[in-house]
Amino acid sequence: MSDRSESSATSAEDGKGRIEQIAEAALRLFARYGYKRTSMDDIAREAGVARATLYLHFKGKDDVFRAMLASLGGRVETRCREALATRGPFSERLAALMEAHHGAAYSAFSAGEHLGELKAVMVAIAGDELAAFEMLFVRFAGDLFEDAAARGEIAIARSGLSLNSLITTMMRAAAGAKYGDQPSCEDYLVRLREIAAVFAAAVAPDVTRRG
């Protein structure tokens, strides 16, 4: 009985590992060639699995794309947790969080020419996964702001916005920082740090009142 349970658990772990392997391979291909130009055969070759194995786990390319986005979300969530655990001024922790979420996603897609296409695909076929990915930032940013406010490091009310509005505006700023002359990954990280500095300044406590 226990042997059967252990065998099932091992099989489940192997299946999960295979899905991650395929998702990571798909991410590399989607970033390099875009969604339309990437085939299931391409994904199978990149992942080093048989075509039959690929179809054992996924019905088609849409399913692979959704799994890819969910897998990326899991890795970004880990990075966000690490960012919140760092020490230092609020502005530095906020910058670390923005880099962990927005910067990691931008870097994952190589800041390539297919970024616009992939974003459109996300909206069209992976709305739930995209919403979950975006909610990661909302949740972690909310925790960061609330914790800093409780410690007296910041005063959210000084911004003139609610916490939800602050976070939403930051997300819009991070999205807007990608456009125009599309930045390199390094330049995008610089822009994220600048955005973090602006928002940190907006909620800086009024030291003159403390006296």
N, C-alpha and C. Protein backbone atom coordinates (compact mmCIF):
# COMPACT_ATOMS: atom_id res chain seq x y z
N MET A 1 0.83 -1.20 0.00
CA MET A 1 0.00 0.00 0.00
C MET A 1 0.87 1.25 0.00
N SER A 2 1.88 1.26 0.90
CA SER A 2 2.77 2.43 0.97
C SER A 2 3.61 2.56 -0.29
N ASP A 3 4.01 1.40 -0.85
CA ASP A 3 4.80 1.44 -2.08
C ASP A 3 4.02 2.10 -3.20
N ARG A 4 2.71 1.80 -3.26
CA ARG A 4 1.87 2.38 -4.30
C ARG A 4 1.74 3.88 -4.09
N SER A 5 1.58 4.31 -2.82
CA SER A 5 1.45 5.74 -2.51
C SER A 5 2.73 6.47 -2.85
N GLU A 6 3.88 5.86 -2.49
CA GLU A 6 5.16 6.49 -2.79
C GLU A 6 5.38 6.59 -4.29
N SER A 7 4.96 5.55 -5.00
CA SER A 7 5.10 5.55 -6.47
C SER A 7 4.25 6.65 -7.08
N SER A 8 3.02 6.83 -6.56
CA SER A 8 2.13 7.88 -7.07
C SER A 8 2.71 9.25 -6.80
N ALA A 9 3.27 9.43 -5.59
CA ALA A 9 3.86 10.72 -5.23
C ALA A 9 5.05 11.04 -6.13
N THR A 10 5.87 10.01 -6.37
CA THR A 10 7.04 10.21 -7.24
C THR A 10 6.60 10.56 -8.65
N SER A 11 5.57 9.86 -9.13
CA SER A 11 5.05 10.12 -10.47
C SER A 11 4.51 11.55 -10.59
N ALA A 12 3.81 11.99 -9.52
CA ALA A 12 3.27 13.35 -9.52
C ALA A 12 4.39 14.39 -9.54
N GLU A 13 5.44 14.11 -8.76
CA GLU A 13 6.58 15.03 -8.73
C GLU A 13 7.27 15.08 -10.09
N ASP A 14 7.41 13.90 -10.70
CA ASP A 14 8.03 13.84 -12.02
C ASP A 14 7.21 14.63 -13.04
N GLY A 15 5.87 14.48 -12.94
CA GLY A 15 4.99 15.20 -13.85
C GLY A 15 5.09 16.70 -13.67
N LYS A 16 5.16 17.13 -12.41
CA LYS A 16 5.28 18.56 -12.12
C LYS A 16 6.61 19.10 -12.65
N GLY A 17 7.67 18.32 -12.44
CA GLY A 17 8.97 18.74 -12.94
C GLY A 17 9.01 18.82 -14.45
N ARG A 18 8.32 17.91 -15.12
CA ARG A 18 8.28 17.91 -16.57
C ARG A 18 7.52 19.13 -17.09
N ILE A 19 6.42 19.46 -16.40
CA ILE A 19 5.64 20.64 -16.79
C ILE A 19 6.49 21.90 -16.65
N GLU A 20 7.25 22.00 -15.56
CA GLU A 20 8.13 23.15 -15.36
C GLU A 20 9.19 23.21 -16.45
N GLN A 21 9.72 22.06 -16.81
CA GLN A 21 10.74 21.98 -17.85
C GLN A 21 10.18 22.48 -19.19
N ILE A 22 8.97 22.07 -19.49
CA ILE A 22 8.33 22.50 -20.74
C ILE A 22 8.00 23.99 -20.69
N ALA A 23 7.50 24.46 -19.54
CA ALA A 23 7.14 25.87 -19.40
C ALA A 23 8.36 26.78 -19.58
N GLU A 24 9.49 26.37 -19.02
CA GLU A 24 10.70 27.18 -19.15
C GLU A 24 11.21 27.18 -20.59
N ALA A 25 11.11 26.04 -21.25
CA ALA A 25 11.51 25.97 -22.66
C ALA A 25 10.61 26.86 -23.51
N ALA A 26 9.31 26.82 -23.22
CA ALA A 26 8.36 27.65 -23.97
C ALA A 26 8.65 29.13 -23.77
N LEU A 27 8.99 29.51 -22.55
CA LEU A 27 9.30 30.91 -22.28
C LEU A 27 10.47 31.38 -23.14
N ARG A 28 11.49 30.57 -23.23
CA ARG A 28 12.66 30.94 -24.05
C ARG A 28 12.26 31.12 -25.51
N LEU A 29 11.43 30.23 -26.01
CA LEU A 29 11.03 30.30 -27.41
C LEU A 29 10.08 31.47 -27.68
N PHE A 30 9.10 31.67 -26.81
CA PHE A 30 8.17 32.78 -27.00
C PHE A 30 8.91 34.11 -26.97
N ALA A 31 9.90 34.22 -26.07
CA ALA A 31 10.68 35.45 -25.98
C ALA A 31 11.51 35.65 -27.24
N ARG A 32 12.03 34.56 -27.78
CA ARG A 32 12.94 34.64 -28.93
C ARG A 32 12.22 34.82 -30.26
N TYR A 33 11.10 34.10 -30.42
CA TYR A 33 10.43 34.08 -31.72
C TYR A 33 9.00 34.61 -31.71
N GLY A 34 8.45 34.86 -30.53
CA GLY A 34 7.06 35.27 -30.45
C GLY A 34 6.14 34.07 -30.36
N TYR A 35 4.86 34.34 -30.15
CA TYR A 35 3.88 33.26 -29.99
C TYR A 35 3.55 32.57 -31.32
N LYS A 36 3.25 33.35 -32.34
CA LYS A 36 2.79 32.78 -33.60
C LYS A 36 3.85 31.91 -34.27
N ARG A 37 5.11 32.32 -34.17
CA ARG A 37 6.17 31.61 -34.87
C ARG A 37 6.69 30.40 -34.10
N THR A 38 6.20 30.20 -32.88
CA THR A 38 6.63 29.05 -32.07
C THR A 38 5.59 27.93 -32.19
N SER A 39 6.05 26.75 -32.59
CA SER A 39 5.14 25.60 -32.74
C SER A 39 5.30 24.64 -31.57
N MET A 40 4.36 23.71 -31.46
CA MET A 40 4.45 22.68 -30.42
C MET A 40 5.69 21.80 -30.66
N ASP A 41 6.01 21.55 -31.92
CA ASP A 41 7.23 20.77 -32.22
C ASP A 41 8.47 21.51 -31.73
N ASP A 42 8.49 22.83 -31.92
CA ASP A 42 9.61 23.64 -31.43
C ASP A 42 9.74 23.50 -29.92
N ILE A 43 8.61 23.57 -29.23
CA ILE A 43 8.62 23.49 -27.77
C ILE A 43 9.11 22.13 -27.30
N ALA A 44 8.65 21.06 -27.95
CA ALA A 44 9.09 19.72 -27.58
C ALA A 44 10.61 19.58 -27.75
N ARG A 45 11.13 20.08 -28.86
CA ARG A 45 12.58 20.00 -29.10
C ARG A 45 13.35 20.81 -28.06
N GLU A 46 12.88 22.03 -27.79
CA GLU A 46 13.58 22.89 -26.83
C GLU A 46 13.55 22.29 -25.43
N ALA A 47 12.45 21.63 -25.08
CA ALA A 47 12.32 21.04 -23.75
C ALA A 47 13.01 19.67 -23.65
N GLY A 48 13.38 19.11 -24.81
CA GLY A 48 14.02 17.81 -24.82
C GLY A 48 13.08 16.67 -24.50
N VAL A 49 11.82 16.81 -24.94
CA VAL A 49 10.84 15.75 -24.71
C VAL A 49 10.23 15.32 -26.04
N ALA A 50 9.64 14.15 -26.04
CA ALA A 50 8.95 13.67 -27.24
C ALA A 50 7.67 14.46 -27.44
N ARG A 51 7.25 14.56 -28.69
CA ARG A 51 6.01 15.27 -29.00
C ARG A 51 4.83 14.65 -28.25
N ALA A 52 4.83 13.32 -28.14
CA ALA A 52 3.75 12.64 -27.43
C ALA A 52 3.74 13.02 -25.95
N THR A 53 4.92 13.21 -25.37
CA THR A 53 5.01 13.62 -23.97
C THR A 53 4.45 15.01 -23.78
N LEU A 54 4.74 15.89 -24.72
CA LEU A 54 4.21 17.25 -24.65
C LEU A 54 2.69 17.24 -24.65
N TYR A 55 2.11 16.44 -25.54
CA TYR A 55 0.65 16.38 -25.63
C TYR A 55 0.03 15.58 -24.48
N LEU A 56 0.83 14.85 -23.77
CA LEU A 56 0.35 14.16 -22.57
C LEU A 56 -0.02 15.16 -21.49
N HIS A 57 0.71 16.29 -21.47
CA HIS A 57 0.49 17.31 -20.45
C HIS A 57 -0.33 18.51 -20.93
N PHE A 58 -0.32 18.76 -22.23
CA PHE A 58 -0.97 19.96 -22.76
C PHE A 58 -1.79 19.63 -24.00
N LYS A 59 -2.96 20.25 -24.11
CA LYS A 59 -3.81 20.05 -25.28
C LYS A 59 -3.28 20.79 -26.50
N GLY A 60 -2.64 21.92 -26.25
CA GLY A 60 -2.14 22.72 -27.36
C GLY A 60 -1.29 23.87 -26.87
N LYS A 61 -0.93 24.75 -27.79
CA LYS A 61 -0.01 25.85 -27.48
C LYS A 61 -0.60 26.84 -26.47
N ASP A 62 -1.90 27.05 -26.53
CA ASP A 62 -2.54 27.95 -25.56
C ASP A 62 -2.32 27.45 -24.14
N ASP A 63 -2.48 26.13 -23.94
CA ASP A 63 -2.27 25.55 -22.61
C ASP A 63 -0.83 25.72 -22.16
N VAL A 64 0.10 25.53 -23.10
CA VAL A 64 1.52 25.71 -22.77
C VAL A 64 1.78 27.16 -22.36
N PHE A 65 1.19 28.09 -23.09
CA PHE A 65 1.40 29.50 -22.80
C PHE A 65 0.90 29.84 -21.40
N ARG A 66 -0.29 29.33 -21.05
CA ARG A 66 -0.83 29.59 -19.72
C ARG A 66 0.05 28.99 -18.63
N ALA A 67 0.55 27.79 -18.87
CA ALA A 67 1.44 27.15 -17.90
C ALA A 67 2.75 27.93 -17.77
N MET A 68 3.23 28.45 -18.90
CA MET A 68 4.45 29.25 -18.88
C MET A 68 4.28 30.49 -18.01
N LEU A 69 3.14 31.17 -18.15
CA LEU A 69 2.90 32.39 -17.39
C LEU A 69 2.73 32.07 -15.90
N ALA A 70 2.05 30.97 -15.60
CA ALA A 70 1.87 30.56 -14.20
C ALA A 70 3.22 30.19 -13.57
N SER A 71 4.06 29.52 -14.34
CA SER A 71 5.39 29.15 -13.84
C SER A 71 6.24 30.38 -13.56
N LEU A 72 6.19 31.34 -14.48
CA LEU A 72 6.91 32.59 -14.28
C LEU A 72 6.40 33.29 -13.02
N GLY A 73 5.09 33.28 -12.83
CA GLY A 73 4.50 33.89 -11.65
C GLY A 73 5.03 33.28 -10.36
N GLY A 74 5.21 31.96 -10.35
CA GLY A 74 5.74 31.29 -9.17
C GLY A 74 7.15 31.74 -8.84
N ARG A 75 7.98 31.88 -9.86
CA ARG A 75 9.36 32.33 -9.64
C ARG A 75 9.39 33.79 -9.19
N VAL A 76 8.53 34.61 -9.79
CA VAL A 76 8.49 36.03 -9.42
C VAL A 76 7.98 36.18 -7.99
N GLU A 77 7.03 35.35 -7.59
CA GLU A 77 6.53 35.42 -6.21
C GLU A 77 7.65 35.17 -5.21
N THR A 78 8.50 34.21 -5.50
CA THR A 78 9.65 33.93 -4.62
C THR A 78 10.56 35.14 -4.54
N ARG A 79 10.82 35.78 -5.67
CA ARG A 79 11.68 36.96 -5.69
C ARG A 79 11.06 38.12 -4.93
N CYS A 80 9.74 38.26 -5.02
CA CYS A 80 9.05 39.33 -4.29
C CYS A 80 9.17 39.12 -2.78
N ARG A 81 9.02 37.88 -2.34
CA ARG A 81 9.16 37.57 -0.91
C ARG A 81 10.57 37.92 -0.43
N GLU A 82 11.56 37.61 -1.25
CA GLU A 82 12.94 37.92 -0.89
C GLU A 82 13.16 39.44 -0.82
N ALA A 83 12.52 40.17 -1.74
CA ALA A 83 12.65 41.63 -1.75
C ALA A 83 12.07 42.24 -0.48
N LEU A 84 10.93 41.73 -0.05
CA LEU A 84 10.31 42.27 1.16
C LEU A 84 11.10 41.94 2.41
N ALA A 85 11.90 40.88 2.34
CA ALA A 85 12.69 40.47 3.51
C ALA A 85 14.00 41.25 3.62
N THR A 86 14.34 42.06 2.62
CA THR A 86 15.58 42.82 2.67
C THR A 86 15.46 43.96 3.67
N ARG A 87 16.60 44.45 4.12
CA ARG A 87 16.64 45.58 5.04
C ARG A 87 17.05 46.83 4.29
N GLY A 88 16.78 47.97 4.91
CA GLY A 88 17.16 49.23 4.29
C GLY A 88 16.00 50.20 4.27
N PRO A 89 16.24 51.40 3.76
CA PRO A 89 15.18 52.41 3.69
C PRO A 89 14.00 51.92 2.85
N PHE A 90 12.84 52.51 3.11
CA PHE A 90 11.63 52.13 2.38
C PHE A 90 11.82 52.26 0.88
N SER A 91 12.47 53.33 0.43
CA SER A 91 12.65 53.55 -1.01
C SER A 91 13.43 52.40 -1.65
N GLU A 92 14.42 51.86 -0.93
CA GLU A 92 15.22 50.76 -1.46
C GLU A 92 14.41 49.47 -1.50
N ARG A 93 13.59 49.24 -0.49
CA ARG A 93 12.76 48.04 -0.47
C ARG A 93 11.69 48.10 -1.56
N LEU A 94 11.15 49.30 -1.78
CA LEU A 94 10.16 49.45 -2.84
C LEU A 94 10.80 49.22 -4.21
N ALA A 95 12.00 49.76 -4.40
CA ALA A 95 12.71 49.54 -5.67
C ALA A 95 13.01 48.07 -5.87
N ALA A 96 13.40 47.38 -4.78
CA ALA A 96 13.70 45.95 -4.88
C ALA A 96 12.46 45.16 -5.27
N LEU A 97 11.30 45.56 -4.73
CA LEU A 97 10.06 44.87 -5.06
C LEU A 97 9.68 45.10 -6.53
N MET A 98 9.83 46.33 -6.99
CA MET A 98 9.50 46.63 -8.39
C MET A 98 10.43 45.88 -9.33
N GLU A 99 11.69 45.77 -8.97
CA GLU A 99 12.63 45.01 -9.80
C GLU A 99 12.28 43.53 -9.78
N ALA A 100 11.90 43.02 -8.60
CA ALA A 100 11.58 41.60 -8.46
C ALA A 100 10.36 41.22 -9.28
N HIS A 101 9.39 42.11 -9.37
CA HIS A 101 8.17 41.80 -10.11
C HIS A 101 8.25 42.28 -11.55
N HIS A 102 8.20 43.59 -11.75
CA HIS A 102 8.17 44.14 -13.11
C HIS A 102 9.48 43.88 -13.86
N GLY A 103 10.59 44.05 -13.16
CA GLY A 103 11.89 43.86 -13.80
C GLY A 103 12.12 42.42 -14.21
N ALA A 104 11.73 41.49 -13.34
CA ALA A 104 11.92 40.07 -13.65
C ALA A 104 11.08 39.66 -14.85
N ALA A 105 9.84 40.15 -14.92
CA ALA A 105 8.98 39.81 -16.05
C ALA A 105 9.54 40.37 -17.35
N TYR A 106 10.01 41.61 -17.30
CA TYR A 106 10.57 42.24 -18.50
C TYR A 106 11.81 41.49 -18.97
N SER A 107 12.65 41.13 -18.00
CA SER A 107 13.88 40.41 -18.33
C SER A 107 13.58 39.03 -18.89
N ALA A 108 12.54 38.38 -18.36
CA ALA A 108 12.20 37.02 -18.81
C ALA A 108 11.86 36.99 -20.28
N PHE A 109 11.25 38.04 -20.77
CA PHE A 109 10.89 38.08 -22.18
C PHE A 109 11.95 38.78 -23.02
N SER A 110 13.11 38.97 -22.41
CA SER A 110 14.29 39.48 -23.11
C SER A 110 14.12 40.87 -23.70
N ALA A 111 13.08 41.57 -23.27
CA ALA A 111 12.84 42.93 -23.79
C ALA A 111 12.87 42.92 -25.31
N GLY A 112 12.42 41.83 -25.90
CA GLY A 112 12.54 41.67 -27.35
C GLY A 112 11.44 42.33 -28.13
N GLU A 113 11.51 42.15 -29.43
CA GLU A 113 10.56 42.77 -30.34
C GLU A 113 9.18 42.16 -30.25
N HIS A 114 9.06 41.02 -29.55
CA HIS A 114 7.77 40.32 -29.48
C HIS A 114 6.98 40.67 -28.22
N LEU A 115 7.46 41.63 -27.46
CA LEU A 115 6.81 41.96 -26.19
C LEU A 115 5.36 42.37 -26.40
N GLY A 116 5.09 43.18 -27.41
CA GLY A 116 3.73 43.63 -27.68
C GLY A 116 2.82 42.47 -28.06
N GLU A 117 3.32 41.58 -28.90
CA GLU A 117 2.52 40.42 -29.30
C GLU A 117 2.21 39.54 -28.10
N LEU A 118 3.22 39.29 -27.27
CA LEU A 118 3.02 38.42 -26.11
C LEU A 118 2.04 39.01 -25.11
N LYS A 119 2.08 40.32 -24.95
CA LYS A 119 1.13 40.98 -24.05
C LYS A 119 -0.29 40.80 -24.59
N ALA A 120 -0.47 40.94 -25.90
CA ALA A 120 -1.79 40.76 -26.50
C ALA A 120 -2.28 39.32 -26.32
N VAL A 121 -1.37 38.36 -26.44
CA VAL A 121 -1.73 36.96 -26.26
C VAL A 121 -2.13 36.70 -24.82
N MET A 122 -1.40 37.31 -23.89
CA MET A 122 -1.76 37.16 -22.48
C MET A 122 -3.19 37.61 -22.22
N VAL A 123 -3.53 38.75 -22.76
CA VAL A 123 -4.89 39.29 -22.56
C VAL A 123 -5.92 38.39 -23.23
N ALA A 124 -5.60 37.86 -24.40
CA ALA A 124 -6.56 37.09 -25.18
C ALA A 124 -6.81 35.69 -24.63
N ILE A 125 -5.76 35.00 -24.18
CA ILE A 125 -5.94 33.59 -23.81
C ILE A 125 -5.52 33.25 -22.38
N ALA A 126 -4.89 34.19 -21.70
CA ALA A 126 -4.39 33.88 -20.35
C ALA A 126 -4.79 34.97 -19.36
N GLY A 127 -6.05 35.40 -19.46
CA GLY A 127 -6.52 36.49 -18.61
C GLY A 127 -6.41 36.17 -17.12
N ASP A 128 -6.78 34.94 -16.74
CA ASP A 128 -6.72 34.57 -15.32
C ASP A 128 -5.28 34.55 -14.82
N GLU A 129 -4.38 33.98 -15.61
CA GLU A 129 -2.97 33.92 -15.20
C GLU A 129 -2.35 35.30 -15.16
N LEU A 130 -2.72 36.16 -16.11
CA LEU A 130 -2.20 37.52 -16.12
C LEU A 130 -2.70 38.29 -14.91
N ALA A 131 -3.98 38.13 -14.59
CA ALA A 131 -4.54 38.81 -13.41
C ALA A 131 -3.86 38.34 -12.14
N ALA A 132 -3.60 37.03 -12.04
CA ALA A 132 -2.92 36.49 -10.86
C ALA A 132 -1.50 37.05 -10.76
N PHE A 133 -0.84 37.18 -11.92
CA PHE A 133 0.52 37.73 -11.92
C PHE A 133 0.52 39.18 -11.44
N GLU A 134 -0.42 39.97 -11.94
CA GLU A 134 -0.48 41.37 -11.55
C GLU A 134 -0.87 41.52 -10.07
N MET A 135 -1.72 40.60 -9.58
CA MET A 135 -2.14 40.66 -8.19
C MET A 135 -0.99 40.37 -7.23
N LEU A 136 0.04 39.67 -7.72
CA LEU A 136 1.22 39.46 -6.89
C LEU A 136 1.79 40.79 -6.45
N PHE A 137 1.93 41.72 -7.41
CA PHE A 137 2.49 43.03 -7.06
C PHE A 137 1.56 43.79 -6.13
N VAL A 138 0.27 43.75 -6.42
CA VAL A 138 -0.71 44.44 -5.58
C VAL A 138 -0.60 43.95 -4.13
N ARG A 139 -0.52 42.65 -3.97
CA ARG A 139 -0.48 42.08 -2.62
C ARG A 139 0.81 42.41 -1.89
N PHE A 140 1.94 42.21 -2.56
CA PHE A 140 3.22 42.46 -1.90
C PHE A 140 3.44 43.96 -1.66
N ALA A 141 3.05 44.79 -2.61
CA ALA A 141 3.19 46.23 -2.42
C ALA A 141 2.31 46.70 -1.27
N GLY A 142 1.10 46.16 -1.18
CA GLY A 142 0.22 46.51 -0.08
C GLY A 142 0.84 46.15 1.26
N ASP A 143 1.42 44.96 1.35
CA ASP A 143 2.09 44.54 2.59
C ASP A 143 3.25 45.46 2.93
N LEU A 144 4.03 45.83 1.90
CA LEU A 144 5.19 46.70 2.13
C LEU A 144 4.77 48.07 2.64
N PHE A 145 3.79 48.68 1.99
CA PHE A 145 3.33 50.01 2.40
C PHE A 145 2.71 49.97 3.80
N GLU A 146 1.88 48.98 4.05
CA GLU A 146 1.22 48.91 5.35
C GLU A 146 2.21 48.67 6.48
N ASP A 147 3.19 47.81 6.24
CA ASP A 147 4.21 47.55 7.25
C ASP A 147 5.05 48.80 7.52
N ALA A 148 5.44 49.49 6.44
CA ALA A 148 6.25 50.71 6.60
C ALA A 148 5.45 51.80 7.31
N ALA A 149 4.16 51.90 7.02
CA ALA A 149 3.32 52.90 7.68
C ALA A 149 3.18 52.59 9.16
N ALA A 150 3.03 51.30 9.49
CA ALA A 150 2.90 50.91 10.89
C ALA A 150 4.17 51.21 11.68
N ARG A 151 5.31 51.18 10.99
CA ARG A 151 6.59 51.47 11.64
C ARG A 151 6.89 52.97 11.69
N GLY A 152 6.04 53.76 11.05
CA GLY A 152 6.27 55.20 11.02
C GLY A 152 7.27 55.63 9.97
N GLU A 153 7.64 54.73 9.07
CA GLU A 153 8.61 55.07 8.02
C GLU A 153 7.98 55.95 6.94
N ILE A 154 6.70 55.76 6.69
CA ILE A 154 6.01 56.51 5.66
C ILE A 154 4.65 56.99 6.18
N ALA A 155 4.07 57.94 5.46
CA ALA A 155 2.72 58.42 5.77
C ALA A 155 1.93 58.39 4.48
N ILE A 156 1.16 57.34 4.28
CA ILE A 156 0.45 57.15 3.02
C ILE A 156 -0.44 58.33 2.68
N ALA A 157 -1.07 58.91 3.68
CA ALA A 157 -2.02 60.02 3.45
C ALA A 157 -1.34 61.23 2.82
N ARG A 158 -0.03 61.38 2.99
CA ARG A 158 0.68 62.53 2.42
C ARG A 158 0.63 62.54 0.90
N SER A 159 0.43 61.39 0.30
CA SER A 159 0.39 61.33 -1.16
C SER A 159 -0.91 61.89 -1.71
N GLY A 160 -1.93 61.98 -0.87
CA GLY A 160 -3.23 62.43 -1.34
C GLY A 160 -4.02 61.33 -2.04
N LEU A 161 -3.48 60.10 -2.04
CA LEU A 161 -4.14 58.97 -2.68
C LEU A 161 -4.38 57.86 -1.67
N SER A 162 -5.35 57.03 -1.98
CA SER A 162 -5.54 55.83 -1.17
C SER A 162 -4.42 54.85 -1.50
N LEU A 163 -4.24 53.85 -0.65
CA LEU A 163 -3.20 52.86 -0.91
C LEU A 163 -3.46 52.14 -2.23
N ASN A 164 -4.71 51.78 -2.50
CA ASN A 164 -5.04 51.10 -3.75
C ASN A 164 -4.69 51.96 -4.96
N SER A 165 -4.98 53.26 -4.86
CA SER A 165 -4.67 54.17 -5.97
C SER A 165 -3.17 54.32 -6.16
N LEU A 166 -2.44 54.37 -5.06
CA LEU A 166 -0.98 54.45 -5.15
C LEU A 166 -0.41 53.26 -5.91
N ILE A 167 -0.85 52.07 -5.52
CA ILE A 167 -0.32 50.86 -6.13
C ILE A 167 -0.72 50.76 -7.60
N THR A 168 -1.98 51.10 -7.89
CA THR A 168 -2.44 51.07 -9.29
C THR A 168 -1.63 52.04 -10.14
N THR A 169 -1.37 53.23 -9.61
CA THR A 169 -0.61 54.23 -10.36
C THR A 169 0.83 53.78 -10.57
N MET A 170 1.41 53.12 -9.57
CA MET A 170 2.76 52.58 -9.74
C MET A 170 2.80 51.54 -10.85
N MET A 171 1.78 50.69 -10.89
CA MET A 171 1.74 49.67 -11.93
C MET A 171 1.62 50.29 -13.32
N ARG A 172 0.83 51.34 -13.42
CA ARG A 172 0.71 52.04 -14.70
C ARG A 172 2.03 52.69 -15.09
N ALA A 173 2.73 53.24 -14.11
CA ALA A 173 4.02 53.86 -14.39
C ALA A 173 5.04 52.81 -14.85
N ALA A 174 5.02 51.65 -14.21
CA ALA A 174 5.94 50.58 -14.59
C ALA A 174 5.64 50.09 -16.00
N ALA A 175 4.35 50.01 -16.34
CA ALA A 175 3.98 49.60 -17.70
C ALA A 175 4.39 50.67 -18.71
N GLY A 176 4.15 51.93 -18.38
CA GLY A 176 4.49 53.02 -19.29
C GLY A 176 5.98 53.16 -19.52
N ALA A 177 6.77 52.73 -18.55
CA ALA A 177 8.23 52.84 -18.66
C ALA A 177 8.81 51.91 -19.73
N LYS A 178 8.00 50.99 -20.25
CA LYS A 178 8.48 50.07 -21.29
C LYS A 178 8.38 50.67 -22.69
N TYR A 179 7.54 51.68 -22.82
CA TYR A 179 7.18 52.12 -24.17
C TYR A 179 8.01 53.30 -24.64
N GLY A 180 7.68 53.80 -25.84
CA GLY A 180 8.53 54.80 -26.47
C GLY A 180 9.68 54.06 -27.12
N ASP A 181 10.87 54.58 -26.96
CA ASP A 181 12.06 53.85 -27.40
C ASP A 181 12.26 52.71 -26.40
N GLN A 182 11.97 51.49 -26.81
CA GLN A 182 11.97 50.36 -25.88
C GLN A 182 13.32 50.21 -25.19
N PRO A 183 13.32 50.25 -23.86
CA PRO A 183 14.59 50.23 -23.13
C PRO A 183 15.21 48.85 -23.06
N SER A 184 16.50 48.82 -22.83
CA SER A 184 17.17 47.56 -22.52
C SER A 184 16.72 47.13 -21.12
N CYS A 185 17.04 45.91 -20.75
CA CYS A 185 16.69 45.45 -19.41
C CYS A 185 17.33 46.34 -18.35
N GLU A 186 18.58 46.72 -18.58
CA GLU A 186 19.29 47.56 -17.61
C GLU A 186 18.63 48.93 -17.49
N ASP A 187 18.26 49.51 -18.63
CA ASP A 187 17.62 50.82 -18.60
C ASP A 187 16.24 50.75 -17.95
N TYR A 188 15.55 49.64 -18.18
CA TYR A 188 14.23 49.50 -17.56
C TYR A 188 14.35 49.42 -16.04
N LEU A 189 15.37 48.74 -15.55
CA LEU A 189 15.58 48.67 -14.11
C LEU A 189 15.87 50.06 -13.54
N VAL A 190 16.61 50.86 -14.28
CA VAL A 190 16.87 52.23 -13.85
C VAL A 190 15.56 53.00 -13.75
N ARG A 191 14.70 52.85 -14.74
CA ARG A 191 13.41 53.53 -14.74
C ARG A 191 12.56 53.08 -13.56
N LEU A 192 12.60 51.79 -13.24
CA LEU A 192 11.84 51.28 -12.10
C LEU A 192 12.34 51.88 -10.80
N ARG A 193 13.66 52.00 -10.67
CA ARG A 193 14.21 52.61 -9.46
C ARG A 193 13.80 54.08 -9.35
N GLU A 194 13.74 54.76 -10.48
CA GLU A 194 13.30 56.16 -10.47
C GLU A 194 11.84 56.27 -10.06
N ILE A 195 11.01 55.36 -10.57
CA ILE A 195 9.60 55.36 -10.19
C ILE A 195 9.46 55.10 -8.69
N ALA A 196 10.22 54.14 -8.19
CA ALA A 196 10.18 53.84 -6.75
C ALA A 196 10.59 55.06 -5.92
N ALA A 197 11.60 55.78 -6.38
CA ALA A 197 12.06 56.97 -5.65
C ALA A 197 10.98 58.04 -5.60
N VAL A 198 10.27 58.22 -6.70
CA VAL A 198 9.20 59.22 -6.75
C VAL A 198 8.08 58.85 -5.78
N PHE A 199 7.66 57.60 -5.79
CA PHE A 199 6.55 57.18 -4.93
C PHE A 199 6.97 57.15 -3.46
N ALA A 200 8.22 56.80 -3.20
CA ALA A 200 8.71 56.83 -1.82
C ALA A 200 8.72 58.26 -1.30
N ALA A 201 9.10 59.21 -2.16
CA ALA A 201 9.11 60.62 -1.76
C ALA A 201 7.69 61.12 -1.50
N ALA A 202 6.73 60.58 -2.26
CA ALA A 202 5.34 61.02 -2.12
C ALA A 202 4.75 60.63 -0.77
N VAL A 203 5.29 59.58 -0.16
CA VAL A 203 4.75 59.13 1.13
C VAL A 203 5.73 59.34 2.28
N ALA A 204 6.79 60.11 2.02
CA ALA A 204 7.76 60.39 3.08
C ALA A 204 7.08 61.16 4.20
N PRO A 205 7.34 60.81 5.45
CA PRO A 205 6.69 61.51 6.56
C PRO A 205 7.13 62.97 6.64
N ASP A 206 6.26 63.82 7.13
CA ASP A 206 6.57 65.25 7.27
C ASP A 206 7.36 65.44 8.55
N VAL A 207 8.69 65.52 8.39
CA VAL A 207 9.56 65.60 9.58
C VAL A 207 9.40 66.92 10.31
N THR A 208 8.91 67.96 9.62
CA THR A 208 8.77 69.26 10.27
C THR A 208 7.70 69.23 11.34
N ARG A 209 6.71 68.36 11.17
CA ARG A 209 5.64 68.26 12.15
C ARG A 209 6.03 67.52 13.39
N ARG A 210 7.09 66.72 13.26
CA ARG A 210 7.52 65.93 14.42
C ARG A 210 8.12 66.82 15.50
N GLY A 211 8.74 67.89 15.03
CA GLY A 211 9.32 68.81 16.02
C GLY A 211 8.25 69.53 16.76
